[in-house]
Amino acid sequence: MKLIAKIRLIVALGFLTSCFGQNNEKTIYLAGWEAELNGDEQCHKFLKTQVIDKKTANIIWSSIELVFKDDKLIRAFDFDEGNKTKRELNERELNFNFVDLKPNQLYQLHASSTSKSYLGGEPPAEFTIPKFEFNAPFQYLGKFSKSDDFFSWLPFDLHLVAPIYLNFDKLYVDYSDPMNPKVINLEELKETDNSYDDLKPDSEIVFKKVHFKGKKANDFGYGMGHTGVPSWIQYPDIPSSPKNNKTMKFLCELRSDIGVETKRTNVKPKEDWYKQYFEHLNFWGDGDLYIFFEPESKVACFIIQNN
């Protein structure tokens, strides 16, 4: 009987192990696919910025599932429009350490008259727009209000300004004085050109005001834009604040041709074909504007990508 009891105990333990032995496995889901899990700075930026929950990973067009055992990466999968395939890991990626991250919540942005956040509009009288004595000018792009849930982490209401017709790589703006922002990388911008010969330093383009609200979602959607995680058109380009070197938090991604029309402009293109670029808010024609913000240093970063 003692032998039988011992055998039963071994079988029972084996059953429990088979049922619950996976409890030491953990998963992380990431939006996008362009990640090398080698533990460097860019890797950790990607993890922090692109982490999402499982439901979102199964809905968006491209995502990664990482599986860890005993806090070491053991396997990974790519999701491409819902199709799951095994992702090959190189030697540097195997045994990558688990990082405990809180998934980012997506909000789809849609026009609404009930929100205090808006795109376009006239800049407040007390707000100073940076001015260039060279090349293309800045445009006032609207206000993100911290009273909205999806912008509640901002230290103040953020008035957006950027020279969206300038071919910059990244634009860093210091909002230490929220109503008097200063360009940080001014010398770099002086070397930047634009694709519109009709633009001058005194050109003015003012857009109609369109209020918008955010709705929790598990997909990027086709509205005005979204918050939560960026959907990169090109390779991920996650910035660090030039003031304290901290990874900047993704604030919003805005699409071109989202229904924000031009209110007035003194730009008169010599060629009719170019008029379309000054008739509505757009980012290099058909691109997306990515906005990041670092609350401690109060620095915003603007990036434009298109196909």
Foldseek 3Di string as FASTA:
>chain_A
DVVVVVVVVVVVVVVCCVVCVCVQKDKWKFPDDPAALLPDPVRVLRRAFTTADPVLCQAEQWMKMFMDGPQWTDWMWIAGRRDIDTDDHDPSRGGRGHDDYDAWWKWAKAFDPPDPWKFFDDDDPLADADFDQWAAGKAWTTWDQCVAVLNVPAPGIATDIDRLQWPDAKWKWFCPPRRYIDTDPVVRSRPTHGDAPQGHRPKYWTWDITHMHIDTDSYQDDAQWMWGHDDDPDDDDFAADPVPRHTWHWRIKGWAPRPTFTPDIPGDGPDPVCVVPRGGDHHVNTWMWTWTADRVRGMIMIHIDDD
